[in-house]
């Protein structure tokens, strides 16, 4: 007995973090007021 092949997924959805966080969210307000440029990049690369 042969199995029927599983259907392939053909839909693709592009999602950004900006679209997930509401415009009036507290973190957006904090980001607009505080200057985070004093912090360095995430760190050293892997060895």
N, C-alpha and C. Protein backbone atom coordinates (compact mmCIF):
# COMPACT_ATOMS: atom_id res chain seq x y z
N UNK A 1 0.84 -1.17 0.00
CA UNK A 1 0.00 0.00 0.00
C UNK A 1 0.89 1.25 0.00
N UNK A 2 0.56 2.16 -0.87
CA UNK A 2 1.33 3.40 -0.97
C UNK A 2 0.60 4.52 -0.25
N UNK A 3 1.38 5.36 0.41
CA UNK A 3 0.80 6.53 1.08
C UNK A 3 0.62 7.65 0.06
N UNK A 4 -0.37 8.46 0.30
CA UNK A 4 -0.51 9.64 -0.55
C UNK A 4 0.48 10.69 -0.07
N UNK A 5 1.10 11.41 -0.98
CA UNK A 5 2.10 12.41 -0.57
C UNK A 5 1.46 13.54 0.23
N UNK A 6 2.21 14.03 1.19
CA UNK A 6 1.73 15.15 2.02
C UNK A 6 1.68 16.41 1.17
N UNK A 7 0.69 17.26 1.39
CA UNK A 7 0.61 18.50 0.61
C UNK A 7 1.79 19.41 0.93
N UNK A 8 2.26 20.11 -0.09
CA UNK A 8 3.39 21.02 0.10
C UNK A 8 2.89 22.39 0.55
N UNK A 9 3.67 23.03 1.38
CA UNK A 9 3.31 24.36 1.84
C UNK A 9 3.76 25.37 0.79
N UNK A 10 2.85 26.16 0.30
CA UNK A 10 3.20 27.12 -0.75
C UNK A 10 3.03 28.57 -0.31
N UNK A 11 2.40 28.81 0.82
CA UNK A 11 2.18 30.19 1.27
C UNK A 11 3.38 30.69 2.06
N UNK A 12 3.71 31.97 1.87
CA UNK A 12 4.81 32.60 2.58
C UNK A 12 4.32 33.93 3.12
N UNK A 13 4.56 34.18 4.39
CA UNK A 13 4.11 35.43 5.00
C UNK A 13 5.30 36.15 5.60
N UNK A 14 5.48 37.40 5.22
CA UNK A 14 6.57 38.21 5.75
C UNK A 14 6.04 39.00 6.95
N UNK A 15 6.72 38.90 8.09
CA UNK A 15 6.30 39.59 9.31
C UNK A 15 7.48 40.36 9.85
N UNK A 16 7.25 41.60 10.27
CA UNK A 16 8.29 42.41 10.89
C UNK A 16 7.92 42.67 12.35
N UNK A 17 8.92 42.96 13.15
CA UNK A 17 8.65 43.28 14.56
C UNK A 17 7.81 44.55 14.68
N UNK A 18 8.03 45.50 13.78
CA UNK A 18 7.23 46.73 13.82
C UNK A 18 5.75 46.45 13.64
N UNK A 19 5.42 45.45 12.85
CA UNK A 19 4.01 45.15 12.63
C UNK A 19 3.40 44.39 13.82
N UNK A 20 4.23 43.81 14.67
CA UNK A 20 3.73 43.04 15.81
C UNK A 20 3.56 43.88 17.07
N UNK A 21 4.34 44.96 17.19
CA UNK A 21 4.28 45.80 18.39
C UNK A 21 3.35 46.99 18.12
N UNK A 22 2.34 47.19 18.96
CA UNK A 22 1.41 48.30 18.76
C UNK A 22 2.12 49.66 18.79
N UNK A 23 1.59 50.63 18.05
CA UNK A 23 2.21 51.96 17.96
C UNK A 23 2.26 52.67 19.31
N UNK A 24 1.33 52.39 20.21
CA UNK A 24 1.30 53.08 21.50
C UNK A 24 1.90 52.24 22.63
N UNK A 25 2.71 51.24 22.30
CA UNK A 25 3.31 50.36 23.31
C UNK A 25 4.36 51.13 24.11
N UNK A 26 4.48 50.81 25.38
CA UNK A 26 5.41 51.49 26.28
C UNK A 26 6.86 51.43 25.78
N UNK A 27 7.28 50.30 25.24
CA UNK A 27 8.66 50.17 24.78
C UNK A 27 8.96 51.08 23.60
N UNK A 28 7.98 51.36 22.77
CA UNK A 28 8.19 52.31 21.67
C UNK A 28 8.42 53.72 22.23
N UNK A 29 7.69 54.07 23.29
CA UNK A 29 7.85 55.39 23.91
C UNK A 29 9.22 55.51 24.55
N UNK A 30 9.67 54.45 25.21
CA UNK A 30 10.99 54.45 25.84
C UNK A 30 12.08 54.57 24.77
N UNK A 31 11.94 53.84 23.69
CA UNK A 31 12.92 53.87 22.61
C UNK A 31 13.04 55.26 21.99
N UNK A 32 11.93 55.99 21.93
CA UNK A 32 11.95 57.33 21.35
C UNK A 32 12.66 58.33 22.25
N UNK A 33 12.68 58.09 23.56
CA UNK A 33 13.22 59.06 24.51
C UNK A 33 14.67 58.77 24.89
N UNK A 34 15.04 57.51 25.02
CA UNK A 34 16.37 57.15 25.51
C UNK A 34 17.33 56.92 24.35
N UNK A 35 18.55 57.44 24.48
CA UNK A 35 19.59 57.26 23.47
C UNK A 35 20.39 56.00 23.80
N UNK A 36 20.19 54.96 23.00
CA UNK A 36 20.87 53.69 23.24
C UNK A 36 22.19 53.58 22.48
N UNK A 37 22.64 54.64 21.84
CA UNK A 37 23.87 54.57 21.04
C UNK A 37 25.12 54.43 21.90
N UNK A 38 25.03 54.67 23.21
CA UNK A 38 26.20 54.53 24.07
C UNK A 38 26.56 53.06 24.29
N UNK A 39 25.62 52.17 24.02
CA UNK A 39 25.89 50.75 24.20
C UNK A 39 26.58 50.19 22.97
N UNK A 40 27.48 49.27 23.19
CA UNK A 40 28.24 48.69 22.08
C UNK A 40 27.42 47.65 21.33
N UNK A 41 28.05 47.09 20.33
CA UNK A 41 27.41 46.02 19.57
C UNK A 41 27.22 44.80 20.47
N UNK A 42 26.54 43.75 20.00
CA UNK A 42 26.26 42.59 20.85
C UNK A 42 27.48 41.91 21.45
N UNK A 43 28.67 42.18 20.95
CA UNK A 43 29.85 41.58 21.56
C UNK A 43 30.82 41.04 20.53
N UNK A 44 31.77 40.27 21.02
CA UNK A 44 32.77 39.69 20.13
C UNK A 44 32.18 38.58 19.30
N UNK A 45 32.81 38.33 18.18
CA UNK A 45 32.40 37.22 17.35
C UNK A 45 32.87 35.90 17.95
N UNK A 46 32.40 34.83 17.40
CA UNK A 46 32.80 33.50 17.87
C UNK A 46 34.27 33.24 17.54
N UNK A 47 34.91 32.47 18.35
CA UNK A 47 36.32 32.14 18.11
C UNK A 47 36.46 31.07 17.07
